[in-house]
PDB file of N, CA and C in Angstrom:
ATOM      1  N   UNK A   1      -4.719  -3.689 -10.078  1.00  0.00           N
ATOM      2  CA  UNK A   1      -6.091  -3.728  -9.620  1.00  0.00           C
ATOM      3  C   UNK A   1      -6.591  -5.170  -9.716  1.00  0.00           C
ATOM      4  N   UNK A   2      -7.294  -5.604  -8.668  1.00  0.00           N
ATOM      5  CA  UNK A   2      -7.811  -6.968  -8.651  1.00  0.00           C
ATOM      6  C   UNK A   2      -9.116  -7.057  -9.434  1.00  0.00           C
ATOM      7  N   UNK A   3      -9.515  -8.285  -9.724  1.00  0.00           N
ATOM      8  CA  UNK A   3     -10.781  -8.500 -10.427  1.00  0.00           C
ATOM      9  C   UNK A   3     -11.954  -7.941  -9.646  1.00  0.00           C
ATOM     10  N   UNK A   4     -11.945  -8.115  -8.321  1.00  0.00           N
ATOM     11  CA  UNK A   4     -13.054  -7.612  -7.508  1.00  0.00           C
ATOM     12  C   UNK A   4     -13.114  -6.089  -7.553  1.00  0.00           C
ATOM     13  N   UNK A   5     -11.965  -5.430  -7.566  1.00  0.00           N
ATOM     14  CA  UNK A   5     -11.958  -3.969  -7.676  1.00  0.00           C
ATOM     15  C   UNK A   5     -12.563  -3.538  -9.011  1.00  0.00           C
ATOM     16  N   UNK A   6     -12.251  -4.258 -10.057  1.00  0.00           N
ATOM     17  CA  UNK A   6     -12.820  -3.953 -11.370  1.00  0.00           C
ATOM     18  C   UNK A   6     -14.330  -4.144 -11.348  1.00  0.00           C
ATOM     19  N   UNK A   7     -14.796  -5.212 -10.706  1.00  0.00           N
ATOM     20  CA  UNK A   7     -16.237  -5.458 -10.604  1.00  0.00           C
ATOM     21  C   UNK A   7     -16.918  -4.331  -9.836  1.00  0.00           C
ATOM     22  N   UNK A   8     -16.346  -3.935  -8.710  1.00  0.00           N
ATOM     23  CA  UNK A   8     -16.923  -2.851  -7.901  1.00  0.00           C
ATOM     24  C   UNK A   8     -16.988  -1.563  -8.727  1.00  0.00           C
ATOM     25  N   UNK A   9     -15.893  -1.200  -9.355  1.00  0.00           N
ATOM     26  CA  UNK A   9     -15.864   0.029 -10.144  1.00  0.00           C
ATOM     27  C   UNK A   9     -16.864  -0.018 -11.297  1.00  0.00           C
ATOM     28  N   UNK A  10     -16.996  -1.159 -11.940  1.00  0.00           N
ATOM     29  CA  UNK A  10     -17.936  -1.301 -13.047  1.00  0.00           C
ATOM     30  C   UNK A  10     -19.370  -1.120 -12.558  1.00  0.00           C
ATOM     31  N   UNK A  11     -19.696  -1.731 -11.446  1.00  0.00           N
ATOM     32  CA  UNK A  11     -21.063  -1.603 -10.909  1.00  0.00           C
ATOM     33  C   UNK A  11     -21.398  -0.173 -10.501  1.00  0.00           C
ATOM     34  N   UNK A  12     -20.414   0.557 -10.024  1.00  0.00           N
ATOM     35  CA  UNK A  12     -20.654   1.927  -9.564  1.00  0.00           C
ATOM     36  C   UNK A  12     -20.748   2.923 -10.713  1.00  0.00           C
ATOM     37  N   UNK A  13     -20.431   2.501 -11.918  1.00  0.00           N
ATOM     38  CA  UNK A  13     -20.511   3.401 -13.076  1.00  0.00           C
ATOM     39  C   UNK A  13     -21.935   3.875 -13.342  1.00  0.00           C
ATOM     40  N   UNK A  14     -22.931   3.145 -12.872  1.00  0.00           N
ATOM     41  CA  UNK A  14     -24.323   3.555 -13.046  1.00  0.00           C
ATOM     42  C   UNK A  14     -24.591   4.895 -12.348  1.00  0.00           C
ATOM     43  N   UNK A  15     -23.749   5.252 -11.386  1.00  0.00           N
ATOM     44  CA  UNK A  15     -23.882   6.523 -10.675  1.00  0.00           C
ATOM     45  C   UNK A  15     -23.183   7.664 -11.399  1.00  0.00           C
ATOM     46  N   UNK A  16     -22.592   7.390 -12.544  1.00  0.00           N
ATOM     47  CA  UNK A  16     -21.891   8.385 -13.363  1.00  0.00           C
ATOM     48  C   UNK A  16     -20.915   9.220 -12.522  1.00  0.00           C
ATOM     49  N   UNK A  17     -19.981   8.569 -11.857  1.00  0.00           N
ATOM     50  CA  UNK A  17     -19.075   9.315 -10.978  1.00  0.00           C
ATOM     51  C   UNK A  17     -18.116  10.219 -11.748  1.00  0.00           C
ATOM     52  N   UNK A  18     -17.920  11.426 -11.216  1.00  0.00           N
ATOM     53  CA  UNK A  18     -16.900  12.316 -11.747  1.00  0.00           C
ATOM     54  C   UNK A  18     -15.530  11.868 -11.257  1.00  0.00           C
ATOM     55  N   UNK A  19     -15.534  11.211 -10.091  1.00  0.00           N
ATOM     56  CA  UNK A  19     -14.301  10.669  -9.533  1.00  0.00           C
ATOM     57  C   UNK A  19     -14.648   9.414  -8.750  1.00  0.00           C
ATOM     58  N   UNK A  20     -13.788   8.415  -8.868  1.00  0.00           N
ATOM     59  CA  UNK A  20     -13.979   7.174  -8.139  1.00  0.00           C
ATOM     60  C   UNK A  20     -12.600   6.635  -7.788  1.00  0.00           C
ATOM     61  N   UNK A  21     -12.352   6.524  -6.495  1.00  0.00           N
ATOM     62  CA  UNK A  21     -11.080   5.971  -6.012  1.00  0.00           C
ATOM     63  C   UNK A  21     -11.404   4.816  -5.081  1.00  0.00           C
ATOM     64  N   UNK A  22     -10.904   3.647  -5.417  1.00  0.00           N
ATOM     65  CA  UNK A  22     -11.141   2.452  -4.626  1.00  0.00           C
ATOM     66  C   UNK A  22      -9.789   1.898  -4.188  1.00  0.00           C
ATOM     67  N   UNK A  23      -9.615   1.783  -2.880  1.00  0.00           N
ATOM     68  CA  UNK A  23      -8.358   1.308  -2.320  1.00  0.00           C
ATOM     69  C   UNK A  23      -8.586  -0.008  -1.601  1.00  0.00           C
ATOM     70  N   UNK A  24      -7.740  -0.982  -1.866  1.00  0.00           N
ATOM     71  CA  UNK A  24      -7.803  -2.271  -1.188  1.00  0.00           C
ATOM     72  C   UNK A  24      -6.995  -2.163   0.105  1.00  0.00           C
ATOM     73  N   UNK A  25      -7.693  -2.213   1.233  1.00  0.00           N
ATOM     74  CA  UNK A  25      -7.069  -2.118   2.550  1.00  0.00           C
ATOM     75  C   UNK A  25      -6.971  -3.478   3.231  1.00  0.00           C
ATOM     76  N   UNK A  26      -7.193  -4.551   2.493  1.00  0.00           N
ATOM     77  CA  UNK A  26      -7.252  -5.899   3.083  1.00  0.00           C
ATOM     78  C   UNK A  26      -5.994  -6.250   3.859  1.00  0.00           C
ATOM     79  N   UNK A  27      -4.855  -5.837   3.366  1.00  0.00           N
ATOM     80  CA  UNK A  27      -3.593  -6.174   4.034  1.00  0.00           C
ATOM     81  C   UNK A  27      -3.513  -5.595   5.446  1.00  0.00           C
ATOM     82  N   UNK A  28      -4.271  -4.541   5.718  1.00  0.00           N
ATOM     83  CA  UNK A  28      -4.264  -3.927   7.045  1.00  0.00           C
ATOM     84  C   UNK A  28      -5.077  -4.738   8.057  1.00  0.00           C
ATOM     85  N   UNK A  29      -5.895  -5.669   7.568  1.00  0.00           N
ATOM     86  CA  UNK A  29      -6.810  -6.407   8.432  1.00  0.00           C
ATOM     87  C   UNK A  29      -6.493  -7.895   8.521  1.00  0.00           C
ATOM     88  N   UNK A  30      -5.461  -8.331   7.846  1.00  0.00           N
ATOM     89  CA  UNK A  30      -5.079  -9.747   7.879  1.00  0.00           C
ATOM     90  C   UNK A  30      -4.769 -10.160   9.314  1.00  0.00           C
ATOM     91  N   UNK A  31      -5.343 -11.263   9.738  1.00  0.00           N
ATOM     92  CA  UNK A  31      -5.078 -11.778  11.081  1.00  0.00           C
ATOM     93  C   UNK A  31      -5.933 -11.179  12.176  1.00  0.00           C
ATOM     94  N   UNK A  32      -6.806 -10.228  11.859  1.00  0.00           N
ATOM     95  CA  UNK A  32      -7.667  -9.644  12.885  1.00  0.00           C
ATOM     96  C   UNK A  32      -8.700 -10.665  13.342  1.00  0.00           C
ATOM     97  N   UNK A  33      -9.040 -10.614  14.610  1.00  0.00           N
ATOM     98  CA  UNK A  33     -10.051 -11.506  15.165  1.00  0.00           C
ATOM     99  C   UNK A  33     -11.370 -11.306  14.420  1.00  0.00           C
ATOM    100  N   UNK A  34     -11.998 -12.395  14.048  1.00  0.00           N
ATOM    101  CA  UNK A  34     -13.284 -12.321  13.359  1.00  0.00           C
ATOM    102  C   UNK A  34     -13.176 -12.170  11.855  1.00  0.00           C
ATOM    103  N   UNK A  35     -11.989 -11.984  11.332  1.00  0.00           N
ATOM    104  CA  UNK A  35     -11.814 -11.835   9.884  1.00  0.00           C
ATOM    105  C   UNK A  35     -11.901 -13.209   9.242  1.00  0.00           C
ATOM    106  N   UNK A  36     -12.903 -13.393   8.397  1.00  0.00           N
ATOM    107  CA  UNK A  36     -13.122 -14.690   7.756  1.00  0.00           C
ATOM    108  C   UNK A  36     -12.972 -14.573   6.246  1.00  0.00           C
ATOM    109  N   UNK A  37     -12.070 -13.734   5.812  1.00  0.00           N
ATOM    110  CA  UNK A  37     -11.889 -13.539   4.379  1.00  0.00           C
ATOM    111  C   UNK A  37     -12.694 -12.349   3.907  1.00  0.00           C
ATOM    112  N   UNK A  38     -12.746 -12.163   2.635  1.00  0.00           N
ATOM    113  CA  UNK A  38     -13.442 -10.996   2.104  1.00  0.00           C
ATOM    114  C   UNK A  38     -12.548  -9.784   2.199  1.00  0.00           C
ATOM    115  N   UNK A  39     -12.668  -8.921   1.227  1.00  0.00           N
ATOM    116  CA  UNK A  39     -11.805  -7.762   1.167  1.00  0.00           C
ATOM    117  C   UNK A  39     -12.296  -6.595   1.998  1.00  0.00           C
ATOM    118  N   UNK A  40     -11.361  -5.763   2.386  1.00  0.00           N
ATOM    119  CA  UNK A  40     -11.633  -4.498   3.067  1.00  0.00           C
ATOM    120  C   UNK A  40     -11.235  -3.392   2.095  1.00  0.00           C
ATOM    121  N   UNK A  41     -12.155  -2.480   1.832  1.00  0.00           N
ATOM    122  CA  UNK A  41     -11.911  -1.434   0.837  1.00  0.00           C
ATOM    123  C   UNK A  41     -12.315  -0.068   1.369  1.00  0.00           C
ATOM    124  N   UNK A  42     -11.671   0.949   0.818  1.00  0.00           N
ATOM    125  CA  UNK A  42     -12.044   2.340   1.061  1.00  0.00           C
ATOM    126  C   UNK A  42     -12.467   2.920  -0.281  1.00  0.00           C
ATOM    127  N   UNK A  43     -13.589   3.650  -0.273  1.00  0.00           N
ATOM    128  CA  UNK A  43     -14.148   4.190  -1.496  1.00  0.00           C
ATOM    129  C   UNK A  43     -14.376   5.692  -1.364  1.00  0.00           C
ATOM    130  N   UNK A  44     -13.884   6.419  -2.335  1.00  0.00           N
ATOM    131  CA  UNK A  44     -14.254   7.825  -2.521  1.00  0.00           C
ATOM    132  C   UNK A  44     -14.991   7.869  -3.844  1.00  0.00           C
ATOM    133  N   UNK A  45     -16.236   8.324  -3.804  1.00  0.00           N
ATOM    134  CA  UNK A  45     -17.014   8.447  -5.024  1.00  0.00           C
ATOM    135  C   UNK A  45     -17.678   9.812  -5.045  1.00  0.00           C
ATOM    136  N   UNK A  46     -17.473  10.521  -6.149  1.00  0.00           N
ATOM    137  CA  UNK A  46     -18.028  11.855  -6.344  1.00  0.00           C
ATOM    138  C   UNK A  46     -19.023  11.754  -7.488  1.00  0.00           C
ATOM    139  N   UNK A  47     -20.294  12.029  -7.184  1.00  0.00           N
ATOM    140  CA  UNK A  47     -21.335  11.900  -8.191  1.00  0.00           C
ATOM    141  C   UNK A  47     -22.505  12.821  -7.874  1.00  0.00           C
ATOM    142  N   UNK A  48     -23.025  13.446  -8.896  1.00  0.00           N
ATOM    143  CA  UNK A  48     -24.210  14.273  -8.691  1.00  0.00           C
ATOM    144  C   UNK A  48     -25.467  13.427  -8.511  1.00  0.00           C
ATOM    145  N   UNK A  49     -25.354  12.102  -8.611  1.00  0.00           N
ATOM    146  CA  UNK A  49     -26.466  11.209  -8.292  1.00  0.00           C
ATOM    147  C   UNK A  49     -26.795  11.282  -6.794  1.00  0.00           C
ATOM    148  N   UNK A  50     -25.908  11.862  -6.001  1.00  0.00           N
ATOM    149  CA  UNK A  50     -26.110  11.974  -4.562  1.00  0.00           C
ATOM    150  C   UNK A  50     -26.783  13.284  -4.139  1.00  0.00           C
ATOM    151  N   UNK A  51     -27.049  14.165  -5.092  1.00  0.00           N
ATOM    152  CA  UNK A  51     -27.693  15.442  -4.757  1.00  0.00           C
ATOM    153  C   UNK A  51     -29.029  15.175  -4.072  1.00  0.00           C
ATOM    154  N   UNK A  52     -29.219  15.803  -2.920  1.00  0.00           N
ATOM    155  CA  UNK A  52     -30.465  15.689  -2.174  1.00  0.00           C
ATOM    156  C   UNK A  52     -30.570  14.439  -1.306  1.00  0.00           C
ATOM    157  N   UNK A  53     -29.561  13.588  -1.322  1.00  0.00           N
ATOM    158  CA  UNK A  53     -29.591  12.368  -0.509  1.00  0.00           C
ATOM    159  C   UNK A  53     -28.779  12.554   0.767  1.00  0.00           C
ATOM    160  N   UNK A  54     -29.282  11.997   1.843  1.00  0.00           N
ATOM    161  CA  UNK A  54     -28.541  12.022   3.101  1.00  0.00           C
ATOM    162  C   UNK A  54     -27.323  11.112   2.989  1.00  0.00           C
ATOM    163  N   UNK A  55     -26.436  11.220   3.947  1.00  0.00           N
ATOM    164  CA  UNK A  55     -25.244  10.375   3.978  1.00  0.00           C
ATOM    165  C   UNK A  55     -25.646   8.892   4.014  1.00  0.00           C
ATOM    166  N   UNK A  56     -26.636   8.586   4.831  1.00  0.00           N
ATOM    167  CA  UNK A  56     -27.106   7.209   4.948  1.00  0.00           C
ATOM    168  C   UNK A  56     -27.732   6.713   3.642  1.00  0.00           C
ATOM    169  N   UNK A  57     -28.524   7.550   2.984  1.00  0.00           N
ATOM    170  CA  UNK A  57     -29.141   7.165   1.709  1.00  0.00           C
ATOM    171  C   UNK A  57     -28.085   6.921   0.632  1.00  0.00           C
ATOM    172  N   UNK A  58     -27.034   7.698   0.649  1.00  0.00           N
ATOM    173  CA  UNK A  58     -25.931   7.510  -0.306  1.00  0.00           C
ATOM    174  C   UNK A  58     -25.266   6.155  -0.086  1.00  0.00           C
ATOM    175  N   UNK A  59     -25.004   5.831   1.184  1.00  0.00           N
ATOM    176  CA  UNK A  59     -24.371   4.552   1.499  1.00  0.00           C
ATOM    177  C   UNK A  59     -25.284   3.387   1.143  1.00  0.00           C
ATOM    178  N   UNK A  60     -26.572   3.543   1.404  1.00  0.00           N
ATOM    179  CA  UNK A  60     -27.522   2.478   1.040  1.00  0.00           C
ATOM    180  C   UNK A  60     -27.549   2.250  -0.465  1.00  0.00           C
ATOM    181  N   UNK A  61     -27.496   3.322  -1.229  1.00  0.00           N
ATOM    182  CA  UNK A  61     -27.498   3.213  -2.690  1.00  0.00           C
ATOM    183  C   UNK A  61     -26.288   2.408  -3.169  1.00  0.00           C
ATOM    184  N   UNK A  62     -25.139   2.686  -2.597  1.00  0.00           N
ATOM    185  CA  UNK A  62     -23.917   1.968  -2.958  1.00  0.00           C
ATOM    186  C   UNK A  62     -24.013   0.509  -2.513  1.00  0.00           C
ATOM    187  N   UNK A  63     -24.482   0.283  -1.293  1.00  0.00           N
ATOM    188  CA  UNK A  63     -24.616  -1.086  -0.789  1.00  0.00           C
ATOM    189  C   UNK A  63     -25.579  -1.902  -1.647  1.00  0.00           C
ATOM    190  N   UNK A  64     -26.649  -1.287  -2.137  1.00  0.00           N
ATOM    191  CA  UNK A  64     -27.598  -2.003  -2.999  1.00  0.00           C
ATOM    192  C   UNK A  64     -26.922  -2.481  -4.281  1.00  0.00           C
ATOM    193  N   UNK A  65     -26.043  -1.666  -4.823  1.00  0.00           N
ATOM    194  CA  UNK A  65     -25.346  -2.043  -6.055  1.00  0.00           C
ATOM    195  C   UNK A  65     -24.345  -3.172  -5.836  1.00  0.00           C
ATOM    196  N   UNK A  66     -23.899  -3.337  -4.598  1.00  0.00           N
ATOM    197  CA  UNK A  66     -22.867  -4.326  -4.280  1.00  0.00           C
ATOM    198  C   UNK A  66     -23.385  -5.428  -3.350  1.00  0.00           C
ATOM    199  N   UNK A  67     -24.692  -5.489  -3.163  1.00  0.00           N
ATOM    200  CA  UNK A  67     -25.323  -6.345  -2.163  1.00  0.00           C
ATOM    201  C   UNK A  67     -24.851  -7.798  -2.210  1.00  0.00           C
ATOM    202  N   UNK A  68     -24.800  -8.379  -3.377  1.00  0.00           N
ATOM    203  CA  UNK A  68     -24.411  -9.792  -3.476  1.00  0.00           C
ATOM    204  C   UNK A  68     -22.941 -10.009  -3.092  1.00  0.00           C
ATOM    205  N   UNK A  69     -22.114  -8.993  -3.285  1.00  0.00           N
ATOM    206  CA  UNK A  69     -20.700  -9.105  -2.909  1.00  0.00           C
ATOM    207  C   UNK A  69     -20.532  -9.101  -1.392  1.00  0.00           C
ATOM    208  N   UNK A  70     -21.407  -8.369  -0.692  1.00  0.00           N
ATOM    209  CA  UNK A  70     -21.402  -8.403   0.773  1.00  0.00           C
ATOM    210  C   UNK A  70     -21.968  -9.737   1.266  1.00  0.00           C
ATOM    211  N   UNK A  71     -23.063 -10.171   0.658  1.00  0.00           N
ATOM    212  CA  UNK A  71     -23.743 -11.407   1.073  1.00  0.00           C
ATOM    213  C   UNK A  71     -22.824 -12.622   0.953  1.00  0.00           C
ATOM    214  N   UNK A  72     -21.999 -12.651  -0.093  1.00  0.00           N
ATOM    215  CA  UNK A  72     -21.083 -13.779  -0.309  1.00  0.00           C
ATOM    216  C   UNK A  72     -19.731 -13.572   0.370  1.00  0.00           C
ATOM    217  N   UNK A  73     -19.605 -12.489   1.129  1.00  0.00           N
ATOM    218  CA  UNK A  73     -18.383 -12.130   1.846  1.00  0.00           C
ATOM    219  C   UNK A  73     -17.203 -11.884   0.901  1.00  0.00           C
ATOM    220  N   UNK A  74     -17.500 -11.524  -0.341  1.00  0.00           N
ATOM    221  CA  UNK A  74     -16.443 -11.076  -1.244  1.00  0.00           C
ATOM    222  C   UNK A  74     -15.918  -9.737  -0.747  1.00  0.00           C
ATOM    223  N   UNK A  75     -16.845  -8.896  -0.285  1.00  0.00           N
ATOM    224  CA  UNK A  75     -16.496  -7.656   0.419  1.00  0.00           C
ATOM    225  C   UNK A  75     -16.868  -7.870   1.871  1.00  0.00           C
ATOM    226  N   UNK A  76     -15.896  -7.736   2.748  1.00  0.00           N
ATOM    227  CA  UNK A  76     -16.154  -7.844   4.178  1.00  0.00           C
ATOM    228  C   UNK A  76     -16.478  -6.469   4.761  1.00  0.00           C
ATOM    229  N   UNK A  77     -15.754  -5.455   4.297  1.00  0.00           N
ATOM    230  CA  UNK A  77     -15.936  -4.111   4.827  1.00  0.00           C
ATOM    231  C   UNK A  77     -15.675  -3.079   3.725  1.00  0.00           C
ATOM    232  N   UNK A  78     -16.479  -2.022   3.744  1.00  0.00           N
ATOM    233  CA  UNK A  78     -16.319  -0.949   2.766  1.00  0.00           C
ATOM    234  C   UNK A  78     -16.504   0.388   3.473  1.00  0.00           C
ATOM    235  N   UNK A  79     -15.445   1.153   3.527  1.00  0.00           N
ATOM    236  CA  UNK A  79     -15.502   2.508   4.071  1.00  0.00           C
ATOM    237  C   UNK A  79     -15.865   3.433   2.914  1.00  0.00           C
ATOM    238  N   UNK A  80     -16.957   4.192   3.077  1.00  0.00           N
ATOM    239  CA  UNK A  80     -17.490   4.986   1.967  1.00  0.00           C
ATOM    240  C   UNK A  80     -17.439   6.467   2.274  1.00  0.00           C
ATOM    241  N   UNK A  81     -16.886   7.218   1.342  1.00  0.00           N
ATOM    242  CA  UNK A  81     -17.008   8.680   1.336  1.00  0.00           C
ATOM    243  C   UNK A  81     -17.685   9.021   0.016  1.00  0.00           C
ATOM    244  N   UNK A  82     -18.963   9.378   0.090  1.00  0.00           N
ATOM    245  CA  UNK A  82     -19.764   9.668  -1.096  1.00  0.00           C
ATOM    246  C   UNK A  82     -20.209  11.123  -1.045  1.00  0.00           C
ATOM    247  N   UNK A  83     -19.865  11.884  -2.062  1.00  0.00           N
ATOM    248  CA  UNK A  83     -20.230  13.288  -2.080  1.00  0.00           C
ATOM    249  C   UNK A  83     -20.600  13.743  -3.490  1.00  0.00           C
ATOM    250  N   UNK A  84     -21.287  14.872  -3.536  1.00  0.00           N
ATOM    251  CA  UNK A  84     -21.601  15.479  -4.822  1.00  0.00           C
ATOM    252  C   UNK A  84     -20.360  16.198  -5.330  1.00  0.00           C
ATOM    253  N   UNK A  85     -20.387  16.574  -6.578  1.00  0.00           N
ATOM    254  CA  UNK A  85     -19.253  17.295  -7.154  1.00  0.00           C
ATOM    255  C   UNK A  85     -19.024  18.614  -6.406  1.00  0.00           C
ATOM    256  N   UNK A  86     -20.099  19.348  -6.110  1.00  0.00           N
ATOM    257  CA  UNK A  86     -19.968  20.620  -5.404  1.00  0.00           C
ATOM    258  C   UNK A  86     -19.387  20.412  -4.003  1.00  0.00           C
ATOM    259  N   UNK A  87     -19.852  19.397  -3.295  1.00  0.00           N
ATOM    260  CA  UNK A  87     -19.316  19.097  -1.959  1.00  0.00           C
ATOM    261  C   UNK A  87     -17.830  18.773  -2.031  1.00  0.00           C
ATOM    262  N   UNK A  88     -17.446  18.009  -3.029  1.00  0.00           N
ATOM    263  CA  UNK A  88     -16.052  17.620  -3.172  1.00  0.00           C
ATOM    264  C   UNK A  88     -15.162  18.833  -3.495  1.00  0.00           C
ATOM    265  N   UNK A  89     -15.656  19.709  -4.351  1.00  0.00           N
ATOM    266  CA  UNK A  89     -14.866  20.880  -4.755  1.00  0.00           C
ATOM    267  C   UNK A  89     -14.748  21.929  -3.655  1.00  0.00           C
ATOM    268  N   UNK A  90     -15.709  21.961  -2.720  1.00  0.00           N
ATOM    269  CA  UNK A  90     -15.699  22.988  -1.683  1.00  0.00           C
ATOM    270  C   UNK A  90     -15.269  22.442  -0.318  1.00  0.00           C
ATOM    271  N   UNK A  91     -14.713  21.262  -0.290  1.00  0.00           N
ATOM    272  CA  UNK A  91     -14.295  20.694   0.995  1.00  0.00           C
ATOM    273  C   UNK A  91     -13.063  21.357   1.508  1.00  0.00           C
TER     274      UNK A  91
END
């Protein structure tokens, strides 16, 4: 796990996730047009902090926690799957 992955996971702990899986997909995007560095990640986060929130509100909550990492292009792209524990168990 890279330092940035550790930072992302640490910041997301405020959401008290029951499950958190962060995958570095950067190698899949190397050499793509417009890629100016910054990591590409996929995130699965299961947390009851998302109860009652729309999909967009969940993503905004995560983006707020990582805002400076996006602004500095430490994270270039983040694919997010955010669900409650019940949603995850009944999928």
